[in-house]
């Protein structure tokens, strides 16, 4: 299981792939259904959509 939070290194965030089991260490846990990455100029934003319908968003 991969723990995703604001302290997770960028290298780990980039290696997460569809089907990986992830958690936000709080209340969201599940398999990754899709991943979106975007850059707003200040932060790189990783959005992980889980098969449970929940979403984990990490700004780095």
N, C-alpha and C. Protein backbone atom coordinates (compact mmCIF):
# COMPACT_ATOMS: atom_id res chain seq x y z
N UNK A 1 0.85 -1.18 0.00
CA UNK A 1 0.00 0.00 0.00
C UNK A 1 0.89 1.24 0.00
N UNK A 2 0.54 2.21 -0.82
CA UNK A 2 1.32 3.43 -0.96
C UNK A 2 0.59 4.54 -0.20
N UNK A 3 1.32 5.20 0.68
CA UNK A 3 0.75 6.29 1.48
C UNK A 3 0.94 7.61 0.73
N UNK A 4 -0.16 8.31 0.47
CA UNK A 4 -0.11 9.56 -0.26
C UNK A 4 -0.49 10.72 0.66
N UNK A 5 0.43 11.65 0.83
CA UNK A 5 0.14 12.87 1.59
C UNK A 5 1.11 13.95 1.14
N UNK A 6 1.08 15.11 1.78
CA UNK A 6 1.92 16.23 1.37
C UNK A 6 3.40 15.97 1.58
N UNK A 7 3.75 14.96 2.37
CA UNK A 7 5.15 14.63 2.61
C UNK A 7 5.68 13.51 1.71
N UNK A 8 4.83 12.96 0.87
CA UNK A 8 5.25 11.90 -0.04
C UNK A 8 6.17 12.48 -1.11
N UNK A 9 7.37 11.89 -1.30
CA UNK A 9 8.30 12.42 -2.31
C UNK A 9 7.70 12.40 -3.72
N UNK A 10 8.07 13.38 -4.52
CA UNK A 10 7.58 13.47 -5.90
C UNK A 10 7.87 12.22 -6.70
N UNK A 11 9.01 11.59 -6.45
CA UNK A 11 9.38 10.36 -7.17
C UNK A 11 8.35 9.27 -6.93
N UNK A 12 7.87 9.17 -5.69
CA UNK A 12 6.87 8.15 -5.35
C UNK A 12 5.54 8.49 -6.03
N UNK A 13 5.16 9.77 -6.00
CA UNK A 13 3.90 10.18 -6.64
C UNK A 13 3.92 9.86 -8.13
N UNK A 14 5.06 10.05 -8.78
CA UNK A 14 5.17 9.79 -10.21
C UNK A 14 5.14 8.31 -10.55
N UNK A 15 5.51 7.46 -9.59
CA UNK A 15 5.56 6.01 -9.84
C UNK A 15 4.23 5.30 -9.60
N UNK A 16 3.26 5.99 -8.98
CA UNK A 16 1.96 5.37 -8.74
C UNK A 16 1.29 5.11 -10.09
N UNK A 17 0.71 3.92 -10.24
CA UNK A 17 0.06 3.57 -11.51
C UNK A 17 -1.33 3.00 -11.25
N UNK A 18 -2.08 2.89 -12.31
CA UNK A 18 -3.43 2.36 -12.24
C UNK A 18 -3.40 0.96 -11.61
N UNK A 19 -4.28 0.72 -10.65
CA UNK A 19 -4.35 -0.58 -10.00
C UNK A 19 -3.60 -0.65 -8.69
N UNK A 20 -2.76 0.36 -8.38
CA UNK A 20 -2.02 0.37 -7.10
C UNK A 20 -2.99 0.64 -5.94
N UNK A 21 -2.71 0.03 -4.80
CA UNK A 21 -3.49 0.27 -3.59
C UNK A 21 -2.88 1.45 -2.86
N UNK A 22 -3.67 2.50 -2.64
CA UNK A 22 -3.17 3.72 -2.02
C UNK A 22 -4.07 4.13 -0.86
N UNK A 23 -3.52 4.98 0.03
CA UNK A 23 -4.29 5.54 1.13
C UNK A 23 -3.81 6.95 1.40
N UNK A 24 -4.69 7.77 1.95
CA UNK A 24 -4.29 9.11 2.36
C UNK A 24 -3.98 9.15 3.85
N UNK A 25 -3.93 7.97 4.47
CA UNK A 25 -3.65 7.76 5.90
C UNK A 25 -4.74 8.31 6.80
N UNK A 26 -5.86 8.73 6.23
CA UNK A 26 -6.94 9.28 7.04
C UNK A 26 -8.22 8.49 6.84
N UNK A 27 -8.85 8.65 5.69
CA UNK A 27 -10.11 7.95 5.47
C UNK A 27 -10.29 7.40 4.06
N UNK A 28 -9.39 7.76 3.16
CA UNK A 28 -9.53 7.33 1.76
C UNK A 28 -8.51 6.25 1.44
N UNK A 29 -9.02 5.06 1.12
CA UNK A 29 -8.16 3.94 0.75
C UNK A 29 -8.82 3.21 -0.42
N UNK A 30 -8.02 2.79 -1.40
CA UNK A 30 -8.59 2.04 -2.50
C UNK A 30 -7.60 1.88 -3.63
N UNK A 31 -8.07 1.22 -4.68
CA UNK A 31 -7.26 1.02 -5.88
C UNK A 31 -7.38 2.23 -6.79
N UNK A 32 -6.26 2.60 -7.42
CA UNK A 32 -6.25 3.74 -8.32
C UNK A 32 -6.95 3.37 -9.62
N UNK A 33 -7.96 4.16 -9.99
CA UNK A 33 -8.68 3.95 -11.24
C UNK A 33 -8.09 4.83 -12.35
N UNK A 34 -7.72 6.06 -11.99
CA UNK A 34 -7.10 6.96 -12.96
C UNK A 34 -6.28 8.02 -12.22
N UNK A 35 -5.33 8.61 -12.95
CA UNK A 35 -4.44 9.62 -12.38
C UNK A 35 -4.39 10.81 -13.32
N UNK A 36 -4.50 12.00 -12.74
CA UNK A 36 -4.36 13.24 -13.51
C UNK A 36 -3.24 14.05 -12.88
N UNK A 37 -2.40 14.66 -13.70
CA UNK A 37 -1.39 15.58 -13.19
C UNK A 37 -1.55 16.90 -13.93
N UNK A 38 -1.40 17.97 -13.19
CA UNK A 38 -1.46 19.30 -13.79
C UNK A 38 -0.49 20.21 -13.05
N UNK A 39 -0.22 21.34 -13.65
CA UNK A 39 0.73 22.29 -13.08
C UNK A 39 0.09 23.67 -13.14
N UNK A 40 -0.10 24.29 -11.98
CA UNK A 40 -0.73 25.61 -11.96
C UNK A 40 0.30 26.74 -11.91
N UNK A 41 1.57 26.42 -12.15
CA UNK A 41 2.63 27.41 -12.13
C UNK A 41 3.33 27.48 -10.80
N UNK A 42 2.62 27.22 -9.72
CA UNK A 42 3.21 27.24 -8.39
C UNK A 42 3.36 25.82 -7.84
N UNK A 43 2.35 25.01 -8.09
CA UNK A 43 2.35 23.63 -7.60
C UNK A 43 2.14 22.65 -8.75
N UNK A 44 2.64 21.44 -8.56
CA UNK A 44 2.29 20.33 -9.44
C UNK A 44 1.20 19.59 -8.68
N UNK A 45 0.07 19.38 -9.32
CA UNK A 45 -1.10 18.79 -8.65
C UNK A 45 -1.32 17.38 -9.18
N UNK A 46 -1.32 16.42 -8.26
CA UNK A 46 -1.58 15.02 -8.58
C UNK A 46 -2.98 14.68 -8.08
N UNK A 47 -3.85 14.21 -8.96
CA UNK A 47 -5.20 13.83 -8.59
C UNK A 47 -5.36 12.34 -8.86
N UNK A 48 -5.60 11.59 -7.80
CA UNK A 48 -5.75 10.14 -7.89
C UNK A 48 -7.23 9.80 -7.68
N UNK A 49 -7.87 9.25 -8.72
CA UNK A 49 -9.26 8.82 -8.63
C UNK A 49 -9.27 7.34 -8.26
N UNK A 50 -9.97 7.01 -7.20
CA UNK A 50 -10.01 5.63 -6.71
C UNK A 50 -11.28 4.92 -7.20
N UNK A 51 -11.23 3.60 -7.25
CA UNK A 51 -12.38 2.82 -7.73
C UNK A 51 -13.57 2.98 -6.78
N UNK A 52 -13.32 3.43 -5.56
CA UNK A 52 -14.40 3.64 -4.58
C UNK A 52 -15.17 4.93 -4.85
N UNK A 53 -14.69 5.73 -5.83
CA UNK A 53 -15.36 6.99 -6.13
C UNK A 53 -14.73 8.18 -5.41
N UNK A 54 -13.83 7.91 -4.52
CA UNK A 54 -13.14 8.99 -3.79
C UNK A 54 -11.96 9.50 -4.59
N UNK A 55 -11.48 10.67 -4.23
CA UNK A 55 -10.36 11.31 -4.92
C UNK A 55 -9.36 11.81 -3.88
N UNK A 56 -8.08 11.55 -4.15
CA UNK A 56 -6.99 12.07 -3.32
C UNK A 56 -6.24 13.10 -4.16
N UNK A 57 -6.10 14.33 -3.65
CA UNK A 57 -5.41 15.40 -4.35
C UNK A 57 -4.18 15.80 -3.54
N UNK A 58 -3.02 15.78 -4.20
CA UNK A 58 -1.76 16.15 -3.56
C UNK A 58 -1.15 17.30 -4.34
N UNK A 59 -0.81 18.38 -3.63
CA UNK A 59 -0.12 19.52 -4.26
C UNK A 59 1.33 19.50 -3.82
N UNK A 60 2.25 19.53 -4.78
CA UNK A 60 3.70 19.52 -4.48
C UNK A 60 4.39 20.62 -5.21
